[in-house]
Amino acid sequence: MAWIPGFVIPHHPRLEALPPGRPLRLERARGLKLRCLAGCVWITAPHLTEDVFLHVGERWTVPNDGLVLVEAEGGAVVALDC
């Protein structure tokens, strides 16, 4: 394949299926973008006064470093870095 100036290779986000009761642990994730593709996810992050809930189609960016927990409410799928 020839290189074409200005051509951008699409980025494919990492998909994570989250079963109930098995939180995804993210560390040093400042700036990471999450998008809920299925279900509902509950996010707990350091230095936030309230937890974050994402429903299908909603996005959120991790605002700081530290341990972030992403947990499904009944099962969910999230895309990371999208």
PDB file of N, CA and C in Angstrom:
ATOM      1  N   MET A   1       0.846  -1.166   0.000  1.00  0.00           N
ATOM      2  CA  MET A   1       0.000   0.000   0.000  1.00  0.00           C
ATOM      3  C   MET A   1       0.892   1.230   0.000  1.00  0.00           C
ATOM      4  N   ALA A   2       0.600   2.180  -0.846  1.00  0.00           N
ATOM      5  CA  ALA A   2       1.370   3.412  -0.930  1.00  0.00           C
ATOM      6  C   ALA A   2       0.918   4.380   0.159  1.00  0.00           C
ATOM      7  N   TRP A   3       1.865   5.155   0.658  1.00  0.00           N
ATOM      8  CA  TRP A   3       1.556   6.167   1.662  1.00  0.00           C
ATOM      9  C   TRP A   3       0.934   7.363   0.974  1.00  0.00           C
ATOM     10  N   ILE A   4      -0.145   7.876   1.490  1.00  0.00           N
ATOM     11  CA  ILE A   4      -0.845   9.023   0.913  1.00  0.00           C
ATOM     12  C   ILE A   4      -0.811  10.148   1.929  1.00  0.00           C
ATOM     13  N   PRO A   5      -0.199  11.306   1.590  1.00  0.00           N
ATOM     14  CA  PRO A   5      -0.165  12.420   2.541  1.00  0.00           C
ATOM     15  C   PRO A   5      -1.578  12.808   2.982  1.00  0.00           C
ATOM     16  N   GLY A   6      -1.734  13.044   4.271  1.00  0.00           N
ATOM     17  CA  GLY A   6      -3.023  13.456   4.805  1.00  0.00           C
ATOM     18  C   GLY A   6      -3.960  12.305   5.127  1.00  0.00           C
ATOM     19  N   PHE A   7      -3.579  11.095   4.743  1.00  0.00           N
ATOM     20  CA  PHE A   7      -4.426   9.939   5.024  1.00  0.00           C
ATOM     21  C   PHE A   7      -4.267   9.561   6.489  1.00  0.00           C
ATOM     22  N   VAL A   8      -5.362   9.403   7.195  1.00  0.00           N
ATOM     23  CA  VAL A   8      -5.324   9.052   8.606  1.00  0.00           C
ATOM     24  C   VAL A   8      -5.872   7.642   8.782  1.00  0.00           C
ATOM     25  N   ILE A   9      -5.099   6.809   9.431  1.00  0.00           N
ATOM     26  CA  ILE A   9      -5.558   5.452   9.726  1.00  0.00           C
ATOM     27  C   ILE A   9      -6.533   5.546  10.891  1.00  0.00           C
ATOM     28  N   PRO A  10      -7.736   5.024  10.738  1.00  0.00           N
ATOM     29  CA  PRO A  10      -8.709   5.129  11.824  1.00  0.00           C
ATOM     30  C   PRO A  10      -8.225   4.416  13.080  1.00  0.00           C
ATOM     31  N   HIS A  11      -8.494   5.031  14.206  1.00  0.00           N
ATOM     32  CA  HIS A  11      -8.131   4.450  15.501  1.00  0.00           C
ATOM     33  C   HIS A  11      -9.285   3.572  15.974  1.00  0.00           C
ATOM     34  N   HIS A  12      -8.964   2.384  16.404  1.00  0.00           N
ATOM     35  CA  HIS A  12      -9.995   1.476  16.903  1.00  0.00           C
ATOM     36  C   HIS A  12      -9.899   1.426  18.420  1.00  0.00           C
ATOM     37  N   PRO A  13     -10.945   1.854  19.104  1.00  0.00           N
ATOM     38  CA  PRO A  13     -10.911   1.834  20.565  1.00  0.00           C
ATOM     39  C   PRO A  13     -10.885   0.405  21.111  1.00  0.00           C
ATOM     40  N   ARG A  14     -10.379   0.282  22.320  1.00  0.00           N
ATOM     41  CA  ARG A  14     -10.384  -1.005  23.010  1.00  0.00           C
ATOM     42  C   ARG A  14     -11.769  -1.196  23.608  1.00  0.00           C
ATOM     43  N   LEU A  15     -12.379  -2.326  23.348  1.00  0.00           N
ATOM     44  CA  LEU A  15     -13.710  -2.620  23.902  1.00  0.00           C
ATOM     45  C   LEU A  15     -13.562  -3.506  25.131  1.00  0.00           C
ATOM     46  N   GLU A  16     -14.337  -3.201  26.145  1.00  0.00           N
ATOM     47  CA  GLU A  16     -14.336  -3.989  27.381  1.00  0.00           C
ATOM     48  C   GLU A  16     -15.760  -4.394  27.712  1.00  0.00           C
ATOM     49  N   ALA A  17     -15.995  -5.702  27.814  1.00  0.00           N
ATOM     50  CA  ALA A  17     -17.283  -6.210  28.289  1.00  0.00           C
ATOM     51  C   ALA A  17     -17.177  -6.304  29.805  1.00  0.00           C
ATOM     52  N   LEU A  18     -18.122  -5.703  30.490  1.00  0.00           N
ATOM     53  CA  LEU A  18     -18.090  -5.672  31.955  1.00  0.00           C
ATOM     54  C   LEU A  18     -19.228  -6.503  32.527  1.00  0.00           C
ATOM     55  N   PRO A  19     -18.914  -7.671  33.071  1.00  0.00           N
ATOM     56  CA  PRO A  19     -19.964  -8.449  33.736  1.00  0.00           C
ATOM     57  C   PRO A  19     -20.270  -7.830  35.095  1.00  0.00           C
ATOM     58  N   PRO A  20     -21.451  -8.064  35.633  1.00  0.00           N
ATOM     59  CA  PRO A  20     -21.809  -7.521  36.949  1.00  0.00           C
ATOM     60  C   PRO A  20     -20.835  -7.985  38.030  1.00  0.00           C
ATOM     61  N   GLY A  21     -20.482  -7.075  38.928  1.00  0.00           N
ATOM     62  CA  GLY A  21     -19.635  -7.427  40.058  1.00  0.00           C
ATOM     63  C   GLY A  21     -18.161  -7.563  39.753  1.00  0.00           C
ATOM     64  N   ARG A  22     -17.714  -7.230  38.546  1.00  0.00           N
ATOM     65  CA  ARG A  22     -16.299  -7.342  38.167  1.00  0.00           C
ATOM     66  C   ARG A  22     -15.828  -5.998  37.627  1.00  0.00           C
ATOM     67  N   PRO A  23     -15.473  -5.039  38.491  1.00  0.00           N
ATOM     68  CA  PRO A  23     -15.089  -3.709  38.021  1.00  0.00           C
ATOM     69  C   PRO A  23     -13.795  -3.714  37.210  1.00  0.00           C
ATOM     70  N   LEU A  24     -13.745  -2.811  36.266  1.00  0.00           N
ATOM     71  CA  LEU A  24     -12.542  -2.566  35.484  1.00  0.00           C
ATOM     72  C   LEU A  24     -11.724  -1.542  36.252  1.00  0.00           C
ATOM     73  N   ARG A  25     -10.445  -1.843  36.496  1.00  0.00           N
ATOM     74  CA  ARG A  25      -9.565  -0.940  37.227  1.00  0.00           C
ATOM     75  C   ARG A  25      -8.667  -0.206  36.236  1.00  0.00           C
ATOM     76  N   LEU A  26      -8.694   1.116  36.294  1.00  0.00           N
ATOM     77  CA  LEU A  26      -7.843   1.942  35.432  1.00  0.00           C
ATOM     78  C   LEU A  26      -6.932   2.775  36.325  1.00  0.00           C
ATOM     79  N   GLU A  27      -5.641   2.735  36.063  1.00  0.00           N
ATOM     80  CA  GLU A  27      -4.684   3.521  36.846  1.00  0.00           C
ATOM     81  C   GLU A  27      -3.906   4.438  35.912  1.00  0.00           C
ATOM     82  N   ARG A  28      -3.569   5.622  36.393  1.00  0.00           N
ATOM     83  CA  ARG A  28      -2.846   6.622  35.592  1.00  0.00           C
ATOM     84  C   ARG A  28      -3.538   6.809  34.244  1.00  0.00           C
ATOM     85  N   ALA A  29      -4.833   7.053  34.281  1.00  0.00           N
ATOM     86  CA  ALA A  29      -5.655   7.089  33.065  1.00  0.00           C
ATOM     87  C   ALA A  29      -6.119   8.497  32.690  1.00  0.00           C
ATOM     88  N   ARG A  30      -5.484   9.530  33.244  1.00  0.00           N
ATOM     89  CA  ARG A  30      -5.902  10.908  32.934  1.00  0.00           C
ATOM     90  C   ARG A  30      -6.002  11.108  31.421  1.00  0.00           C
ATOM     91  N   GLY A  31      -7.133  11.669  30.982  1.00  0.00           N
ATOM     92  CA  GLY A  31      -7.355  11.946  29.565  1.00  0.00           C
ATOM     93  C   GLY A  31      -7.985  10.801  28.791  1.00  0.00           C
ATOM     94  N   LEU A  32      -8.058   9.613  29.386  1.00  0.00           N
ATOM     95  CA  LEU A  32      -8.674   8.473  28.706  1.00  0.00           C
ATOM     96  C   LEU A  32     -10.164   8.742  28.531  1.00  0.00           C
ATOM     97  N   LYS A  33     -10.666   8.459  27.355  1.00  0.00           N
ATOM     98  CA  LYS A  33     -12.082   8.673  27.067  1.00  0.00           C
ATOM     99  C   LYS A  33     -12.816   7.338  27.131  1.00  0.00           C
ATOM    100  N   LEU A  34     -13.997   7.362  27.751  1.00  0.00           N
ATOM    101  CA  LEU A  34     -14.836   6.175  27.834  1.00  0.00           C
ATOM    102  C   LEU A  34     -16.171   6.484  27.184  1.00  0.00           C
ATOM    103  N   ARG A  35     -16.702   5.491  26.473  1.00  0.00           N
ATOM    104  CA  ARG A  35     -18.039   5.632  25.880  1.00  0.00           C
ATOM    105  C   ARG A  35     -18.810   4.362  26.179  1.00  0.00           C
ATOM    106  N   CYS A  36     -20.015   4.506  26.661  1.00  0.00           N
ATOM    107  CA  CYS A  36     -20.865   3.364  26.983  1.00  0.00           C
ATOM    108  C   CYS A  36     -21.555   2.890  25.701  1.00  0.00           C
ATOM    109  N   LEU A  37     -21.334   1.634  25.351  1.00  0.00           N
ATOM    110  CA  LEU A  37     -21.928   1.061  24.142  1.00  0.00           C
ATOM    111  C   LEU A  37     -23.158   0.220  24.437  1.00  0.00           C
ATOM    112  N   ALA A  38     -23.231  -0.329  25.648  1.00  0.00           N
ATOM    113  CA  ALA A  38     -24.378  -1.158  26.032  1.00  0.00           C
ATOM    114  C   ALA A  38     -24.509  -1.121  27.549  1.00  0.00           C
ATOM    115  N   GLY A  39     -25.734  -1.114  28.040  1.00  0.00           N
ATOM    116  CA  GLY A  39     -25.977  -1.128  29.476  1.00  0.00           C
ATOM    117  C   GLY A  39     -25.744   0.226  30.121  1.00  0.00           C
ATOM    118  N   CYS A  40     -25.347   0.182  31.382  1.00  0.00           N
ATOM    119  CA  CYS A  40     -25.064   1.387  32.167  1.00  0.00           C
ATOM    120  C   CYS A  40     -23.817   1.110  32.994  1.00  0.00           C
ATOM    121  N   VAL A  41     -22.897   2.080  33.057  1.00  0.00           N
ATOM    122  CA  VAL A  41     -21.691   1.912  33.864  1.00  0.00           C
ATOM    123  C   VAL A  41     -21.635   2.970  34.955  1.00  0.00           C
ATOM    124  N   TRP A  42     -21.035   2.582  36.042  1.00  0.00           N
ATOM    125  CA  TRP A  42     -20.884   3.407  37.232  1.00  0.00           C
ATOM    126  C   TRP A  42     -19.391   3.621  37.398  1.00  0.00           C
ATOM    127  N   ILE A  43     -18.957   4.881  37.462  1.00  0.00           N
ATOM    128  CA  ILE A  43     -17.543   5.220  37.519  1.00  0.00           C
ATOM    129  C   ILE A  43     -17.246   5.951  38.823  1.00  0.00           C
ATOM    130  N   THR A  44     -16.221   5.462  39.528  1.00  0.00           N
ATOM    131  CA  THR A  44     -15.727   6.112  40.721  1.00  0.00           C
ATOM    132  C   THR A  44     -14.296   6.540  40.438  1.00  0.00           C
ATOM    133  N   ALA A  45     -14.010   7.840  40.619  1.00  0.00           N
ATOM    134  CA  ALA A  45     -12.680   8.373  40.331  1.00  0.00           C
ATOM    135  C   ALA A  45     -12.218   9.256  41.485  1.00  0.00           C
ATOM    136  N   PRO A  46     -10.894   9.344  41.690  1.00  0.00           N
ATOM    137  CA  PRO A  46     -10.387  10.164  42.787  1.00  0.00           C
ATOM    138  C   PRO A  46     -10.672  11.643  42.565  1.00  0.00           C
ATOM    139  N   HIS A  47     -10.849  12.346  43.672  1.00  0.00           N
ATOM    140  CA  HIS A  47     -11.044  13.801  43.694  1.00  0.00           C
ATOM    141  C   HIS A  47     -12.374  14.259  43.101  1.00  0.00           C
ATOM    142  N   LEU A  48     -13.308  13.340  42.845  1.00  0.00           N
ATOM    143  CA  LEU A  48     -14.647  13.735  42.397  1.00  0.00           C
ATOM    144  C   LEU A  48     -15.587  13.625  43.588  1.00  0.00           C
ATOM    145  N   THR A  49     -16.477  14.579  43.717  1.00  0.00           N
ATOM    146  CA  THR A  49     -17.400  14.558  44.851  1.00  0.00           C
ATOM    147  C   THR A  49     -18.563  13.605  44.637  1.00  0.00           C
ATOM    148  N   GLU A  50     -18.828  13.247  43.371  1.00  0.00           N
ATOM    149  CA  GLU A  50     -19.912  12.312  43.058  1.00  0.00           C
ATOM    150  C   GLU A  50     -19.436  11.292  42.035  1.00  0.00           C
ATOM    151  N   ASP A  51     -20.045  10.111  42.052  1.00  0.00           N
ATOM    152  CA  ASP A  51     -19.759   9.108  41.038  1.00  0.00           C
ATOM    153  C   ASP A  51     -20.407   9.533  39.723  1.00  0.00           C
ATOM    154  N   VAL A  52     -19.937   8.921  38.646  1.00  0.00           N
ATOM    155  CA  VAL A  52     -20.441   9.226  37.306  1.00  0.00           C
ATOM    156  C   VAL A  52     -21.187   7.996  36.795  1.00  0.00           C
ATOM    157  N   PHE A  53     -22.322   8.210  36.157  1.00  0.00           N
ATOM    158  CA  PHE A  53     -23.086   7.127  35.532  1.00  0.00           C
ATOM    159  C   PHE A  53     -23.185   7.423  34.042  1.00  0.00           C
ATOM    160  N   LEU A  54     -22.838   6.447  33.232  1.00  0.00           N
ATOM    161  CA  LEU A  54     -22.955   6.584  31.772  1.00  0.00           C
ATOM    162  C   LEU A  54     -23.973   5.592  31.248  1.00  0.00           C
ATOM    163  N   HIS A  55     -24.847   6.072  30.375  1.00  0.00           N
ATOM    164  CA  HIS A  55     -25.806   5.221  29.688  1.00  0.00           C
ATOM    165  C   HIS A  55     -25.376   5.127  28.222  1.00  0.00           C
ATOM    166  N   VAL A  56     -26.017   4.275  27.478  1.00  0.00           N
ATOM    167  CA  VAL A  56     -25.655   4.031  26.077  1.00  0.00           C
ATOM    168  C   VAL A  56     -25.496   5.354  25.319  1.00  0.00           C
ATOM    169  N   GLY A  57     -24.337   5.481  24.644  1.00  0.00           N
ATOM    170  CA  GLY A  57     -24.050   6.657  23.834  1.00  0.00           C
ATOM    171  C   GLY A  57     -23.364   7.793  24.568  1.00  0.00           C
ATOM    172  N   GLU A  58     -23.343   7.754  25.896  1.00  0.00           N
ATOM    173  CA  GLU A  58     -22.724   8.830  26.659  1.00  0.00           C
ATOM    174  C   GLU A  58     -21.224   8.614  26.783  1.00  0.00           C
ATOM    175  N   ARG A  59     -20.483   9.735  26.887  1.00  0.00           N
ATOM    176  CA  ARG A  59     -19.021   9.704  26.979  1.00  0.00           C
ATOM    177  C   ARG A  59     -18.563  10.443  28.220  1.00  0.00           C
ATOM    178  N   TRP A  60     -17.355  10.094  28.661  1.00  0.00           N
ATOM    179  CA  TRP A  60     -16.748  10.747  29.809  1.00  0.00           C
ATOM    180  C   TRP A  60     -15.241  10.646  29.672  1.00  0.00           C
ATOM    181  N   THR A  61     -14.523  11.683  30.090  1.00  0.00           N
ATOM    182  CA  THR A  61     -13.059  11.700  30.053  1.00  0.00           C
ATOM    183  C   THR A  61     -12.536  11.699  31.481  1.00  0.00           C
ATOM    184  N   VAL A  62     -11.581  10.821  31.757  1.00  0.00           N
ATOM    185  CA  VAL A  62     -10.982  10.727  33.091  1.00  0.00           C
ATOM    186  C   VAL A  62     -10.236  12.038  33.371  1.00  0.00           C
ATOM    187  N   PRO A  63     -10.621  12.769  34.438  1.00  0.00           N
ATOM    188  CA  PRO A  63     -10.052  14.096  34.669  1.00  0.00           C
ATOM    189  C   PRO A  63      -8.696  14.116  35.377  1.00  0.00           C
ATOM    190  N   ASN A  64      -8.310  13.014  36.030  1.00  0.00           N
ATOM    191  CA  ASN A  64      -7.055  13.016  36.773  1.00  0.00           C
ATOM    192  C   ASN A  64      -6.522  11.597  36.926  1.00  0.00           C
ATOM    193  N   ASP A  65      -5.301  11.515  37.398  1.00  0.00           N
ATOM    194  CA  ASP A  65      -4.705  10.196  37.628  1.00  0.00           C
ATOM    195  C   ASP A  65      -5.184   9.624  38.956  1.00  0.00           C
ATOM    196  N   GLY A  66      -4.877   8.378  39.169  1.00  0.00           N
ATOM    197  CA  GLY A  66      -5.337   7.680  40.363  1.00  0.00           C
ATOM    198  C   GLY A  66      -6.185   6.499  39.932  1.00  0.00           C
ATOM    199  N   LEU A  67      -6.628   5.728  40.886  1.00  0.00           N
ATOM    200  CA  LEU A  67      -7.416   4.534  40.583  1.00  0.00           C
ATOM    201  C   LEU A  67      -8.850   4.911  40.213  1.00  0.00           C
ATOM    202  N   VAL A  68      -9.271   4.508  39.018  1.00  0.00           N
ATOM    203  CA  VAL A  68     -10.646   4.712  38.544  1.00  0.00           C
ATOM    204  C   VAL A  68     -11.286   3.335  38.440  1.00  0.00           C
ATOM    205  N   LEU A  69     -12.472   3.191  39.011  1.00  0.00           N
ATOM    206  CA  LEU A  69     -13.208   1.934  38.926  1.00  0.00           C
ATOM    207  C   LEU A  69     -14.418   2.138  38.032  1.00  0.00           C
ATOM    208  N   VAL A  70     -14.563   1.240  37.056  1.00  0.00           N
ATOM    209  CA  VAL A  70     -15.692   1.279  36.130  1.00  0.00           C
ATOM    210  C   VAL A  70     -16.442  -0.029  36.317  1.00  0.00           C
ATOM    211  N   GLU A  71     -17.688   0.064  36.749  1.00  0.00           N
ATOM    212  CA  GLU A  71     -18.460  -1.142  37.049  1.00  0.00           C
ATOM    213  C   GLU A  71     -19.796  -1.103  36.320  1.00  0.00           C
ATOM    214  N   ALA A  72     -20.221  -2.262  35.862  1.00  0.00           N
ATOM    215  CA  ALA A  72     -21.493  -2.381  35.143  1.00  0.00           C
ATOM    216  C   ALA A  72     -22.641  -2.557  36.114  1.00  0.00           C
ATOM    217  N   GLU A  73     -23.763  -2.007  35.747  1.00  0.00           N
ATOM    218  CA  GLU A  73     -24.996  -2.270  36.474  1.00  0.00           C
ATOM    219  C   GLU A  73     -25.773  -3.296  35.656  1.00  0.00           C
ATOM    220  N   GLY A  74     -25.553  -4.557  35.929  1.00  0.00           N
ATOM    221  CA  GLY A  74     -26.244  -5.625  35.202  1.00  0.00           C
ATOM    222  C   GLY A  74     -25.565  -6.042  33.916  1.00  0.00           C
ATOM    223  N   GLY A  75     -24.336  -5.634  33.683  1.00  0.00           N
ATOM    224  CA  GLY A  75     -23.605  -5.975  32.458  1.00  0.00           C
ATOM    225  C   GLY A  75     -23.580  -4.790  31.505  1.00  0.00           C
ATOM    226  N   ALA A  76     -22.410  -4.535  30.918  1.00  0.00           N
ATOM    227  CA  ALA A  76     -22.274  -3.392  30.015  1.00  0.00           C
ATOM    228  C   ALA A  76     -21.058  -3.595  29.110  1.00  0.00           C
ATOM    229  N   VAL A  77     -20.964  -2.761  28.094  1.00  0.00           N
ATOM    230  CA  VAL A  77     -19.794  -2.732  27.220  1.00  0.00           C
ATOM    231  C   VAL A  77     -19.360  -1.277  27.102  1.00  0.00           C
ATOM    232  N   VAL A  78     -18.046  -1.040  27.285  1.00  0.00           N
ATOM    233  CA  VAL A  78     -17.499   0.304  27.133  1.00  0.00           C
ATOM    234  C   VAL A  78     -16.383   0.290  26.104  1.00  0.00           C
ATOM    235  N   ALA A  79     -16.226   1.417  25.414  1.00  0.00           N
ATOM    236  CA  ALA A  79     -15.103   1.629  24.502  1.00  0.00           C
ATOM    237  C   ALA A  79     -14.154   2.581  25.220  1.00  0.00           C
ATOM    238  N   LEU A  80     -12.868   2.253  25.217  1.00  0.00           N
ATOM    239  CA  LEU A  80     -11.876   3.087  25.856  1.00  0.00           C
ATOM    240  C   LEU A  80     -11.042   3.820  24.811  1.00  0.00           C
ATOM    241  N   ASP A  81     -10.758   5.105  25.084  1.00  0.00           N
ATOM    242  CA  ASP A  81      -9.943   5.952  24.222  1.00  0.00           C
ATOM    243  C   ASP A  81     -10.619   6.193  22.886  1.00  0.00           C
ATOM    244  N   CYS A  82     -11.890   6.574  22.945  1.00  0.00           N
ATOM    245  CA  CYS A  82     -12.629   6.830  21.720  1.00  0.00           C
ATOM    246  C   CYS A  82     -12.987   8.296  21.593  1.00  0.00           C
TER     247      CYS A  82
END
